[in-house]
PDB file of N, CA and C in Angstrom:
ATOM      1  N   MET A   1      40.420 -25.461 -12.617  1.00  0.00           N
ATOM      2  CA  MET A   1      39.385 -24.545 -12.170  1.00  0.00           C
ATOM      3  C   MET A   1      40.007 -23.315 -11.512  1.00  0.00           C
ATOM      4  N   ARG A   2      39.595 -22.157 -11.869  1.00  0.00           N
ATOM      5  CA  ARG A   2      40.131 -20.986 -11.317  1.00  0.00           C
ATOM      6  C   ARG A   2      39.445 -20.649  -9.960  1.00  0.00           C
ATOM      7  N   ARG A   3      40.314 -20.451  -8.955  1.00  0.00           N
ATOM      8  CA  ARG A   3      39.799 -20.133  -7.608  1.00  0.00           C
ATOM      9  C   ARG A   3      39.396 -18.668  -7.505  1.00  0.00           C
ATOM     10  N   THR A   4      38.442 -18.454  -6.652  1.00  0.00           N
ATOM     11  CA  THR A   4      38.121 -17.139  -6.292  1.00  0.00           C
ATOM     12  C   THR A   4      38.644 -16.695  -4.997  1.00  0.00           C
ATOM     13  N   TYR A   5      39.364 -15.590  -4.929  1.00  0.00           N
ATOM     14  CA  TYR A   5      40.053 -15.183  -3.725  1.00  0.00           C
ATOM     15  C   TYR A   5      39.337 -13.912  -3.133  1.00  0.00           C
ATOM     16  N   LEU A   6      38.789 -13.993  -2.039  1.00  0.00           N
ATOM     17  CA  LEU A   6      38.268 -12.938  -1.277  1.00  0.00           C
ATOM     18  C   LEU A   6      38.854 -12.803   0.102  1.00  0.00           C
ATOM     19  N   GLY A   7      38.986 -11.670   0.576  1.00  0.00           N
ATOM     20  CA  GLY A   7      39.451 -11.434   1.983  1.00  0.00           C
ATOM     21  C   GLY A   7      38.355 -11.969   2.842  1.00  0.00           C
ATOM     22  N   GLU A   8      38.699 -12.096   4.114  1.00  0.00           N
ATOM     23  CA  GLU A   8      37.696 -12.691   5.037  1.00  0.00           C
ATOM     24  C   GLU A   8      36.506 -11.725   5.198  1.00  0.00           C
ATOM     25  N   PHE A   9      36.746 -10.410   5.246  1.00  0.00           N
ATOM     26  CA  PHE A   9      35.641  -9.522   5.476  1.00  0.00           C
ATOM     27  C   PHE A   9      34.818  -9.391   4.204  1.00  0.00           C
ATOM     28  N   GLU A  10      35.493  -9.405   3.065  1.00  0.00           N
ATOM     29  CA  GLU A  10      34.646  -9.415   1.800  1.00  0.00           C
ATOM     30  C   GLU A  10      33.801 -10.664   1.669  1.00  0.00           C
ATOM     31  N   GLU A  11      34.324 -11.801   2.187  1.00  0.00           N
ATOM     32  CA  GLU A  11      33.552 -12.987   2.199  1.00  0.00           C
ATOM     33  C   GLU A  11      32.335 -12.978   3.045  1.00  0.00           C
ATOM     34  N   MET A  12      32.564 -12.328   4.286  1.00  0.00           N
ATOM     35  CA  MET A  12      31.383 -12.192   5.211  1.00  0.00           C
ATOM     36  C   MET A  12      30.357 -11.166   4.619  1.00  0.00           C
ATOM     37  N   VAL A  13      30.766 -10.072   4.062  1.00  0.00           N
ATOM     38  CA  VAL A  13      29.902  -9.234   3.501  1.00  0.00           C
ATOM     39  C   VAL A  13      29.096  -9.800   2.334  1.00  0.00           C
ATOM     40  N   LEU A  14      29.755 -10.439   1.440  1.00  0.00           N
ATOM     41  CA  LEU A  14      29.027 -11.211   0.261  1.00  0.00           C
ATOM     42  C   LEU A  14      28.077 -12.235   0.821  1.00  0.00           C
ATOM     43  N   LEU A  15      28.492 -12.976   1.863  1.00  0.00           N
ATOM     44  CA  LEU A  15      27.640 -13.955   2.429  1.00  0.00           C
ATOM     45  C   LEU A  15      26.419 -13.254   3.106  1.00  0.00           C
ATOM     46  N   MET A  16      26.514 -12.166   3.696  1.00  0.00           N
ATOM     47  CA  MET A  16      25.424 -11.481   4.343  1.00  0.00           C
ATOM     48  C   MET A  16      24.617 -10.923   3.265  1.00  0.00           C
ATOM     49  N   VAL A  17      24.997 -10.439   2.155  1.00  0.00           N
ATOM     50  CA  VAL A  17      24.199  -9.866   1.037  1.00  0.00           C
ATOM     51  C   VAL A  17      23.334 -10.999   0.507  1.00  0.00           C
ATOM     52  N   ALA A  18      23.880 -12.219   0.312  1.00  0.00           N
ATOM     53  CA  ALA A  18      23.241 -13.441  -0.104  1.00  0.00           C
ATOM     54  C   ALA A  18      22.069 -13.752   0.828  1.00  0.00           C
ATOM     55  N   ILE A  19      22.480 -13.773   2.125  1.00  0.00           N
ATOM     56  CA  ILE A  19      21.404 -14.061   3.169  1.00  0.00           C
ATOM     57  C   ILE A  19      20.292 -13.132   3.166  1.00  0.00           C
ATOM     58  N   LEU A  20      20.605 -11.860   3.075  1.00  0.00           N
ATOM     59  CA  LEU A  20      19.554 -10.864   3.151  1.00  0.00           C
ATOM     60  C   LEU A  20      18.726 -10.777   2.012  1.00  0.00           C
ATOM     61  N   ASP A  21      19.075 -11.350   0.939  1.00  0.00           N
ATOM     62  CA  ASP A  21      18.326 -11.633  -0.266  1.00  0.00           C
ATOM     63  C   ASP A  21      17.344 -10.533  -0.737  1.00  0.00           C
ATOM     64  N   GLY A  22      17.948  -9.444  -1.260  1.00  0.00           N
ATOM     65  CA  GLY A  22      17.106  -8.298  -1.725  1.00  0.00           C
ATOM     66  C   GLY A  22      16.897  -7.236  -0.641  1.00  0.00           C
ATOM     67  N   GLU A  23      17.282  -7.470   0.498  1.00  0.00           N
ATOM     68  CA  GLU A  23      17.100  -6.549   1.666  1.00  0.00           C
ATOM     69  C   GLU A  23      18.456  -5.979   2.132  1.00  0.00           C
ATOM     70  N   ALA A  24      19.519  -6.142   1.361  1.00  0.00           N
ATOM     71  CA  ALA A  24      20.912  -5.790   1.694  1.00  0.00           C
ATOM     72  C   ALA A  24      21.213  -4.456   1.205  1.00  0.00           C
ATOM     73  N   TYR A  25      21.442  -3.608   2.173  1.00  0.00           N
ATOM     74  CA  TYR A  25      22.010  -2.302   1.940  1.00  0.00           C
ATOM     75  C   TYR A  25      23.008  -1.945   3.116  1.00  0.00           C
ATOM     76  N   GLY A  26      23.724  -0.945   3.067  1.00  0.00           N
ATOM     77  CA  GLY A  26      24.865  -0.731   3.937  1.00  0.00           C
ATOM     78  C   GLY A  26      24.461  -0.920   5.409  1.00  0.00           C
ATOM     79  N   VAL A  27      23.330  -0.355   5.875  1.00  0.00           N
ATOM     80  CA  VAL A  27      22.945  -0.444   7.269  1.00  0.00           C
ATOM     81  C   VAL A  27      22.580  -1.770   7.673  1.00  0.00           C
ATOM     82  N   THR A  28      21.740  -2.497   6.805  1.00  0.00           N
ATOM     83  CA  THR A  28      21.341  -3.766   7.194  1.00  0.00           C
ATOM     84  C   THR A  28      22.467  -4.830   7.235  1.00  0.00           C
ATOM     85  N   VAL A  29      23.369  -4.702   6.221  1.00  0.00           N
ATOM     86  CA  VAL A  29      24.529  -5.517   6.276  1.00  0.00           C
ATOM     87  C   VAL A  29      25.363  -5.339   7.562  1.00  0.00           C
ATOM     88  N   SER A  30      25.623  -4.047   7.848  1.00  0.00           N
ATOM     89  CA  SER A  30      26.416  -3.724   9.091  1.00  0.00           C
ATOM     90  C   SER A  30      25.782  -4.315  10.297  1.00  0.00           C
ATOM     91  N   GLN A  31      24.350  -4.101  10.437  1.00  0.00           N
ATOM     92  CA  GLN A  31      23.759  -4.577  11.689  1.00  0.00           C
ATOM     93  C   GLN A  31      23.721  -6.096  11.715  1.00  0.00           C
ATOM     94  N   ALA A  32      23.509  -6.686  10.589  1.00  0.00           N
ATOM     95  CA  ALA A  32      23.495  -8.138  10.583  1.00  0.00           C
ATOM     96  C   ALA A  32      24.836  -8.828  10.951  1.00  0.00           C
ATOM     97  N   LEU A  33      25.948  -8.171  10.419  1.00  0.00           N
ATOM     98  CA  LEU A  33      27.262  -8.659  10.702  1.00  0.00           C
ATOM     99  C   LEU A  33      27.611  -8.484  12.228  1.00  0.00           C
ATOM    100  N   GLU A  34      27.239  -7.357  12.742  1.00  0.00           N
ATOM    101  CA  GLU A  34      27.485  -7.219  14.178  1.00  0.00           C
ATOM    102  C   GLU A  34      26.677  -8.155  14.961  1.00  0.00           C
ATOM    103  N   GLU A  35      25.295  -8.320  14.647  1.00  0.00           N
ATOM    104  CA  GLU A  35      24.532  -9.303  15.465  1.00  0.00           C
ATOM    105  C   GLU A  35      25.001 -10.709  15.346  1.00  0.00           C
ATOM    106  N   HIS A  36      25.461 -11.150  14.204  1.00  0.00           N
ATOM    107  CA  HIS A  36      25.751 -12.591  14.044  1.00  0.00           C
ATOM    108  C   HIS A  36      27.198 -12.878  14.288  1.00  0.00           C
ATOM    109  N   THR A  37      28.072 -11.936  14.305  1.00  0.00           N
ATOM    110  CA  THR A  37      29.509 -12.222  14.458  1.00  0.00           C
ATOM    111  C   THR A  37      30.036 -11.702  15.783  1.00  0.00           C
ATOM    112  N   GLY A  38      29.331 -10.731  16.370  1.00  0.00           N
ATOM    113  CA  GLY A  38      29.830 -10.105  17.532  1.00  0.00           C
ATOM    114  C   GLY A  38      30.920  -9.126  17.268  1.00  0.00           C
ATOM    115  N   ARG A  39      31.202  -8.883  15.973  1.00  0.00           N
ATOM    116  CA  ARG A  39      32.289  -7.951  15.509  1.00  0.00           C
ATOM    117  C   ARG A  39      31.686  -6.580  15.287  1.00  0.00           C
ATOM    118  N   VAL A  40      32.380  -5.549  15.812  1.00  0.00           N
ATOM    119  CA  VAL A  40      32.011  -4.182  15.523  1.00  0.00           C
ATOM    120  C   VAL A  40      32.406  -3.752  14.143  1.00  0.00           C
ATOM    121  N   VAL A  41      31.481  -3.379  13.342  1.00  0.00           N
ATOM    122  CA  VAL A  41      31.871  -2.988  11.966  1.00  0.00           C
ATOM    123  C   VAL A  41      31.252  -1.574  11.693  1.00  0.00           C
ATOM    124  N   THR A  42      31.949  -0.796  11.085  1.00  0.00           N
ATOM    125  CA  THR A  42      31.460   0.563  10.656  1.00  0.00           C
ATOM    126  C   THR A  42      30.745   0.547   9.354  1.00  0.00           C
ATOM    127  N   PHE A  43      29.754   1.465   9.275  1.00  0.00           N
ATOM    128  CA  PHE A  43      29.035   1.528   7.981  1.00  0.00           C
ATOM    129  C   PHE A  43      29.952   1.801   6.822  1.00  0.00           C
ATOM    130  N   GLY A  44      30.928   2.718   7.016  1.00  0.00           N
ATOM    131  CA  GLY A  44      31.977   3.159   5.982  1.00  0.00           C
ATOM    132  C   GLY A  44      32.729   1.889   5.463  1.00  0.00           C
ATOM    133  N   THR A  45      33.112   1.019   6.394  1.00  0.00           N
ATOM    134  CA  THR A  45      33.892  -0.114   5.931  1.00  0.00           C
ATOM    135  C   THR A  45      32.959  -1.129   5.139  1.00  0.00           C
ATOM    136  N   VAL A  46      31.750  -1.380   5.617  1.00  0.00           N
ATOM    137  CA  VAL A  46      30.847  -2.173   4.894  1.00  0.00           C
ATOM    138  C   VAL A  46      30.578  -1.553   3.458  1.00  0.00           C
ATOM    139  N   HIS A  47      30.293  -0.208   3.513  1.00  0.00           N
ATOM    140  CA  HIS A  47      29.959   0.459   2.204  1.00  0.00           C
ATOM    141  C   HIS A  47      31.103   0.292   1.171  1.00  0.00           C
ATOM    142  N   ASN A  48      32.267   0.542   1.639  1.00  0.00           N
ATOM    143  CA  ASN A  48      33.416   0.420   0.783  1.00  0.00           C
ATOM    144  C   ASN A  48      33.621  -1.044   0.283  1.00  0.00           C
ATOM    145  N   THR A  49      33.346  -1.919   1.127  1.00  0.00           N
ATOM    146  CA  THR A  49      33.462  -3.392   0.769  1.00  0.00           C
ATOM    147  C   THR A  49      32.333  -3.704  -0.348  1.00  0.00           C
ATOM    148  N   LEU A  50      31.146  -3.237  -0.094  1.00  0.00           N
ATOM    149  CA  LEU A  50      30.123  -3.448  -1.054  1.00  0.00           C
ATOM    150  C   LEU A  50      30.478  -2.944  -2.473  1.00  0.00           C
ATOM    151  N   ILE A  51      31.052  -1.701  -2.459  1.00  0.00           N
ATOM    152  CA  ILE A  51      31.449  -1.069  -3.721  1.00  0.00           C
ATOM    153  C   ILE A  51      32.477  -1.812  -4.385  1.00  0.00           C
ATOM    154  N   ARG A  52      33.453  -2.381  -3.583  1.00  0.00           N
ATOM    155  CA  ARG A  52      34.562  -3.139  -4.151  1.00  0.00           C
ATOM    156  C   ARG A  52      34.061  -4.526  -4.628  1.00  0.00           C
ATOM    157  N   LEU A  53      33.099  -5.075  -3.962  1.00  0.00           N
ATOM    158  CA  LEU A  53      32.523  -6.350  -4.483  1.00  0.00           C
ATOM    159  C   LEU A  53      31.695  -6.096  -5.757  1.00  0.00           C
ATOM    160  N   GLU A  54      31.096  -4.952  -5.876  1.00  0.00           N
ATOM    161  CA  GLU A  54      30.343  -4.639  -7.162  1.00  0.00           C
ATOM    162  C   GLU A  54      31.342  -4.437  -8.292  1.00  0.00           C
ATOM    163  N   GLU A  55      32.421  -3.770  -8.041  1.00  0.00           N
ATOM    164  CA  GLU A  55      33.419  -3.558  -8.984  1.00  0.00           C
ATOM    165  C   GLU A  55      34.099  -4.844  -9.548  1.00  0.00           C
ATOM    166  N   LYS A  56      34.143  -5.870  -8.667  1.00  0.00           N
ATOM    167  CA  LYS A  56      34.645  -7.189  -8.996  1.00  0.00           C
ATOM    168  C   LYS A  56      33.617  -8.110  -9.679  1.00  0.00           C
ATOM    169  N   GLY A  57      32.242  -7.607  -9.606  1.00  0.00           N
ATOM    170  CA  GLY A  57      31.164  -8.415 -10.281  1.00  0.00           C
ATOM    171  C   GLY A  57      30.486  -9.355  -9.279  1.00  0.00           C
ATOM    172  N   PHE A  58      30.807  -9.276  -8.036  1.00  0.00           N
ATOM    173  CA  PHE A  58      30.200 -10.301  -7.064  1.00  0.00           C
ATOM    174  C   PHE A  58      28.791  -9.938  -6.658  1.00  0.00           C
ATOM    175  N   VAL A  59      28.557  -8.634  -6.698  1.00  0.00           N
ATOM    176  CA  VAL A  59      27.256  -8.018  -6.348  1.00  0.00           C
ATOM    177  C   VAL A  59      26.793  -7.062  -7.346  1.00  0.00           C
ATOM    178  N   SER A  60      25.531  -6.840  -7.433  1.00  0.00           N
ATOM    179  CA  SER A  60      25.022  -5.712  -8.251  1.00  0.00           C
ATOM    180  C   SER A  60      24.227  -4.889  -7.334  1.00  0.00           C
ATOM    181  N   SER A  61      23.841  -3.657  -7.763  1.00  0.00           N
ATOM    182  CA  SER A  61      23.014  -2.893  -6.913  1.00  0.00           C
ATOM    183  C   SER A  61      22.027  -2.068  -7.793  1.00  0.00           C
ATOM    184  N   GLN A  62      20.930  -1.618  -7.129  1.00  0.00           N
ATOM    185  CA  GLN A  62      19.986  -0.702  -7.826  1.00  0.00           C
ATOM    186  C   GLN A  62      19.458   0.123  -6.592  1.00  0.00           C
ATOM    187  N   LEU A  63      18.960   1.406  -7.087  1.00  0.00           N
ATOM    188  CA  LEU A  63      18.418   2.246  -6.052  1.00  0.00           C
ATOM    189  C   LEU A  63      16.921   1.965  -5.763  1.00  0.00           C
ATOM    190  N   GLY A  64      16.710   1.753  -4.457  1.00  0.00           N
ATOM    191  CA  GLY A  64      15.298   1.481  -4.023  1.00  0.00           C
ATOM    192  C   GLY A  64      14.478   2.935  -4.006  1.00  0.00           C
ATOM    193  N   GLY A  65      13.311   2.739  -3.549  1.00  0.00           N
ATOM    194  CA  GLY A  65      12.487   3.929  -3.374  1.00  0.00           C
ATOM    195  C   GLY A  65      12.860   4.845  -2.237  1.00  0.00           C
ATOM    196  N   ALA A  66      12.597   6.073  -2.406  1.00  0.00           N
ATOM    197  CA  ALA A  66      12.885   7.182  -1.411  1.00  0.00           C
ATOM    198  C   ALA A  66      11.934   6.942  -0.269  1.00  0.00           C
ATOM    199  N   THR A  67      12.494   7.276   0.951  1.00  0.00           N
ATOM    200  CA  THR A  67      11.518   7.153   2.123  1.00  0.00           C
ATOM    201  C   THR A  67      11.711   8.404   2.999  1.00  0.00           C
ATOM    202  N   ASN A  68      10.624   8.681   3.769  1.00  0.00           N
ATOM    203  CA  ASN A  68      10.615   9.850   4.595  1.00  0.00           C
ATOM    204  C   ASN A  68      11.635   9.690   5.762  1.00  0.00           C
ATOM    205  N   GLU A  69      11.775   8.365   6.219  1.00  0.00           N
ATOM    206  CA  GLU A  69      12.777   8.187   7.244  1.00  0.00           C
ATOM    207  C   GLU A  69      14.170   8.476   6.863  1.00  0.00           C
ATOM    208  N   ARG A  70      14.448   8.434   5.642  1.00  0.00           N
ATOM    209  CA  ARG A  70      15.774   8.763   5.036  1.00  0.00           C
ATOM    210  C   ARG A  70      15.841  10.104   4.509  1.00  0.00           C
ATOM    211  N   GLY A  71      14.858  10.980   4.779  1.00  0.00           N
ATOM    212  CA  GLY A  71      14.913  12.275   4.290  1.00  0.00           C
ATOM    213  C   GLY A  71      14.716  12.443   2.809  1.00  0.00           C
ATOM    214  N   GLY A  72      13.977  11.450   2.241  1.00  0.00           N
ATOM    215  CA  GLY A  72      13.722  11.418   0.886  1.00  0.00           C
ATOM    216  C   GLY A  72      14.763  10.758  -0.096  1.00  0.00           C
ATOM    217  N   ARG A  73      15.928  10.358   0.675  1.00  0.00           N
ATOM    218  CA  ARG A  73      16.974   9.714  -0.107  1.00  0.00           C
ATOM    219  C   ARG A  73      16.631   8.298  -0.373  1.00  0.00           C
ATOM    220  N   ARG A  74      17.268   7.767  -1.399  1.00  0.00           N
ATOM    221  CA  ARG A  74      17.026   6.397  -1.817  1.00  0.00           C
ATOM    222  C   ARG A  74      18.077   5.434  -1.240  1.00  0.00           C
ATOM    223  N   LYS A  75      17.759   4.193  -0.978  1.00  0.00           N
ATOM    224  CA  LYS A  75      18.703   3.194  -0.559  1.00  0.00           C
ATOM    225  C   LYS A  75      19.361   2.577  -1.750  1.00  0.00           C
ATOM    226  N   ARG A  76      20.593   2.180  -1.645  1.00  0.00           N
ATOM    227  CA  ARG A  76      21.214   1.324  -2.599  1.00  0.00           C
ATOM    228  C   ARG A  76      21.247  -0.114  -2.156  1.00  0.00           C
ATOM    229  N   ILE A  77      20.358  -0.860  -2.883  1.00  0.00           N
ATOM    230  CA  ILE A  77      20.090  -2.329  -2.480  1.00  0.00           C
ATOM    231  C   ILE A  77      21.055  -3.181  -3.318  1.00  0.00           C
ATOM    232  N   PHE A  78      21.611  -4.131  -2.536  1.00  0.00           N
ATOM    233  CA  PHE A  78      22.695  -5.015  -3.171  1.00  0.00           C
ATOM    234  C   PHE A  78      22.124  -6.346  -3.312  1.00  0.00           C
ATOM    235  N   GLN A  79      22.486  -7.113  -4.334  1.00  0.00           N
ATOM    236  CA  GLN A  79      22.112  -8.495  -4.559  1.00  0.00           C
ATOM    237  C   GLN A  79      23.384  -9.218  -5.075  1.00  0.00           C
ATOM    238  N   ALA A  80      23.489 -10.490  -4.568  1.00  0.00           N
ATOM    239  CA  ALA A  80      24.560 -11.250  -5.109  1.00  0.00           C
ATOM    240  C   ALA A  80      24.397 -11.660  -6.528  1.00  0.00           C
ATOM    241  N   THR A  81      25.344 -11.528  -7.312  1.00  0.00           N
ATOM    242  CA  THR A  81      25.305 -12.027  -8.755  1.00  0.00           C
ATOM    243  C   THR A  81      25.515 -13.412  -8.859  1.00  0.00           C
ATOM    244  N   ALA A  82      25.443 -14.007 -10.013  1.00  0.00           N
ATOM    245  CA  ALA A  82      25.750 -15.428 -10.266  1.00  0.00           C
ATOM    246  C   ALA A  82      27.227 -15.620 -10.015  1.00  0.00           C
ATOM    247  N   LEU A  83      28.087 -14.730 -10.348  1.00  0.00           N
ATOM    248  CA  LEU A  83      29.488 -14.826  -9.944  1.00  0.00           C
ATOM    249  C   LEU A  83      29.728 -14.832  -8.556  1.00  0.00           C
ATOM    250  N   GLY A  84      29.001 -13.992  -7.780  1.00  0.00           N
ATOM    251  CA  GLY A  84      29.103 -13.910  -6.370  1.00  0.00           C
ATOM    252  C   GLY A  84      28.628 -15.269  -5.645  1.00  0.00           C
ATOM    253  N   ASN A  85      27.447 -15.764  -6.114  1.00  0.00           N
ATOM    254  CA  ASN A  85      26.972 -17.105  -5.562  1.00  0.00           C
ATOM    255  C   ASN A  85      27.993 -18.147  -5.933  1.00  0.00           C
ATOM    256  N   ARG A  86      28.495 -18.143  -7.149  1.00  0.00           N
ATOM    257  CA  ARG A  86      29.543 -19.190  -7.409  1.00  0.00           C
ATOM    258  C   ARG A  86      30.734 -19.130  -6.513  1.00  0.00           C
ATOM    259  N   ALA A  87      31.135 -17.837  -6.194  1.00  0.00           N
ATOM    260  CA  ALA A  87      32.316 -17.623  -5.428  1.00  0.00           C
ATOM    261  C   ALA A  87      32.085 -18.262  -4.006  1.00  0.00           C
ATOM    262  N   LEU A  88      30.823 -17.914  -3.480  1.00  0.00           N
ATOM    263  CA  LEU A  88      30.510 -18.501  -2.154  1.00  0.00           C
ATOM    264  C   LEU A  88      30.455 -20.006  -2.123  1.00  0.00           C
ATOM    265  N   GLN A  89      29.922 -20.619  -3.245  1.00  0.00           N
ATOM    266  CA  GLN A  89      29.938 -22.054  -3.231  1.00  0.00           C
ATOM    267  C   GLN A  89      31.409 -22.641  -3.279  1.00  0.00           C
ATOM    268  N   GLU A  90      32.282 -21.986  -4.113  1.00  0.00           N
ATOM    269  CA  GLU A  90      33.716 -22.394  -4.113  1.00  0.00           C
ATOM    270  C   GLU A  90      34.344 -22.307  -2.779  1.00  0.00           C
ATOM    271  N   ILE A  91      34.066 -21.064  -2.100  1.00  0.00           N
ATOM    272  CA  ILE A  91      34.709 -21.007  -0.722  1.00  0.00           C
ATOM    273  C   ILE A  91      34.157 -21.906   0.200  1.00  0.00           C
ATOM    274  N   GLN A  92      32.925 -22.206   0.199  1.00  0.00           N
ATOM    275  CA  GLN A  92      32.350 -23.213   1.125  1.00  0.00           C
ATOM    276  C   GLN A  92      32.911 -24.566   0.773  1.00  0.00           C
ATOM    277  N   GLN A  93      33.036 -24.908  -0.399  1.00  0.00           N
ATOM    278  CA  GLN A  93      33.650 -26.234  -0.725  1.00  0.00           C
ATOM    279  C   GLN A  93      35.091 -26.322  -0.362  1.00  0.00           C
ATOM    280  N   LEU A  94      35.869 -25.361  -0.573  1.00  0.00           N
ATOM    281  CA  LEU A  94      37.283 -25.367  -0.215  1.00  0.00           C
ATOM    282  C   LEU A  94      37.386 -25.413   1.261  1.00  0.00           C
ATOM    283  N   ARG A  95      36.616 -24.624   1.990  1.00  0.00           N
ATOM    284  CA  ARG A  95      36.695 -24.741   3.512  1.00  0.00           C
ATOM    285  C   ARG A  95      36.261 -26.148   4.035  1.00  0.00           C
ATOM    286  N   HIS A  96      35.365 -26.706   3.405  1.00  0.00           N
ATOM    287  CA  HIS A  96      34.856 -28.014   3.780  1.00  0.00           C
ATOM    288  C   HIS A  96      35.944 -29.105   3.545  1.00  0.00           C
ATOM    289  N   GLU A  97      36.650 -28.960   2.331  1.00  0.00           N
ATOM    290  CA  GLU A  97      37.707 -29.862   2.093  1.00  0.00           C
ATOM    291  C   GLU A  97      38.853 -29.715   3.063  1.00  0.00           C
ATOM    292  N   LEU A  98      39.197 -28.560   3.342  1.00  0.00           N
ATOM    293  CA  LEU A  98      40.279 -28.340   4.422  1.00  0.00           C
ATOM    294  C   LEU A  98      39.910 -28.851   5.753  1.00  0.00           C
ATOM    295  N   TRP A  99      38.697 -28.618   6.259  1.00  0.00           N
ATOM    296  CA  TRP A  99      38.267 -29.012   7.484  1.00  0.00           C
ATOM    297  C   TRP A  99      38.246 -30.596   7.517  1.00  0.00           C
ATOM    298  N   GLN A 100      37.922 -31.162   6.431  1.00  0.00           N
ATOM    299  CA  GLN A 100      38.008 -32.625   6.338  1.00  0.00           C
ATOM    300  C   GLN A 100      39.396 -33.274   6.561  1.00  0.00           C
ATOM    301  N   MET A 101      40.392 -32.534   6.168  1.00  0.00           N
ATOM    302  CA  MET A 101      41.723 -32.819   6.343  1.00  0.00           C
ATOM    303  C   MET A 101      42.262 -32.719   7.738  1.00  0.00           C
ATOM    304  N   MET A 102      41.566 -32.026   8.567  1.00  0.00           N
ATOM    305  CA  MET A 102      42.003 -31.719   9.911  1.00  0.00           C
ATOM    306  C   MET A 102      41.937 -33.023  10.743  1.00  0.00           C
ATOM    307  N   PRO A 103      43.031 -33.487  11.313  1.00  0.00           N
ATOM    308  CA  PRO A 103      42.975 -34.612  12.249  1.00  0.00           C
ATOM    309  C   PRO A 103      42.082 -34.246  13.482  1.00  0.00           C
ATOM    310  N   PRO A 104      41.239 -35.200  13.759  1.00  0.00           N
ATOM    311  CA  PRO A 104      40.291 -35.011  14.955  1.00  0.00           C
ATOM    312  C   PRO A 104      40.949 -34.622  16.229  1.00  0.00           C
ATOM    313  N   THR A 105      42.221 -35.131  16.428  1.00  0.00           N
ATOM    314  CA  THR A 105      42.940 -34.905  17.643  1.00  0.00           C
ATOM    315  C   THR A 105      43.307 -33.451  17.822  1.00  0.00           C
ATOM    316  N   LYS A 106      43.433 -32.728  16.710  1.00  0.00           N
ATOM    317  CA  LYS A 106      43.883 -31.378  16.749  1.00  0.00           C
ATOM    318  C   LYS A 106      42.601 -30.497  17.267  1.00  0.00           C
ATOM    319  N   LEU A 107      41.516 -30.985  17.308  1.00  0.00           N
ATOM    320  CA  LEU A 107      40.355 -30.161  17.656  1.00  0.00           C
ATOM    321  C   LEU A 107      40.142 -30.385  19.265  1.00  0.00           C
ATOM    322  N   ARG A 108      40.829 -31.322  19.883  1.00  0.00           N
ATOM    323  CA  ARG A 108      40.627 -31.569  21.243  1.00  0.00           C
ATOM    324  C   ARG A 108      41.248 -30.473  22.072  1.00  0.00           C
ATOM    325  N   LEU A 109      40.673 -29.922  23.066  1.00  0.00           N
ATOM    326  CA  LEU A 109      41.225 -28.950  24.068  1.00  0.00           C
ATOM    327  C   LEU A 109      41.891 -29.750  25.014  1.00  0.00           C
ATOM    328  N   THR A 110      43.197 -29.483  25.328  1.00  0.00           N
ATOM    329  CA  THR A 110      43.995 -30.005  26.334  1.00  0.00           C
ATOM    330  C   THR A 110      44.592 -28.983  27.267  1.00  0.00           C
ATOM    331  N   GLY A 111      44.759 -29.340  28.559  1.00  0.00           N
ATOM    332  CA  GLY A 111      45.425 -28.507  29.419  1.00  0.00           C
ATOM    333  C   GLY A 111      44.456 -27.448  29.996  1.00  0.00           C
ATOM    334  N   ILE A 112      43.219 -27.563  29.822  1.00  0.00           N
ATOM    335  CA  ILE A 112      42.286 -26.564  30.356  1.00  0.00           C
ATOM    336  C   ILE A 112      41.686 -26.957  31.577  1.00  0.00           C
TER     337      ILE A 112
END
């Protein structure tokens, strides 16, 4: 089986696109990542990552309707593709397998 390799940030962005399920565009992904990870992310970094994920085939995009609040501009809405969903499943499975290998004693905090 061929493994899918994504960087940590690419993985988080792809996961958030899947979670947002049709409501994922640069701003919503940025806001959701900050809210749920406590990590400060810039719109530009998220936007570049979304474009890179699209080039790799993990997400697809389409233009949404124009809105007055955006000055008549249209949003680019992203959706996880079948390849993207499969990549997330493979990553989840791999992480689960690795965590199962972790000796329970390694997770105990000592000396605190």
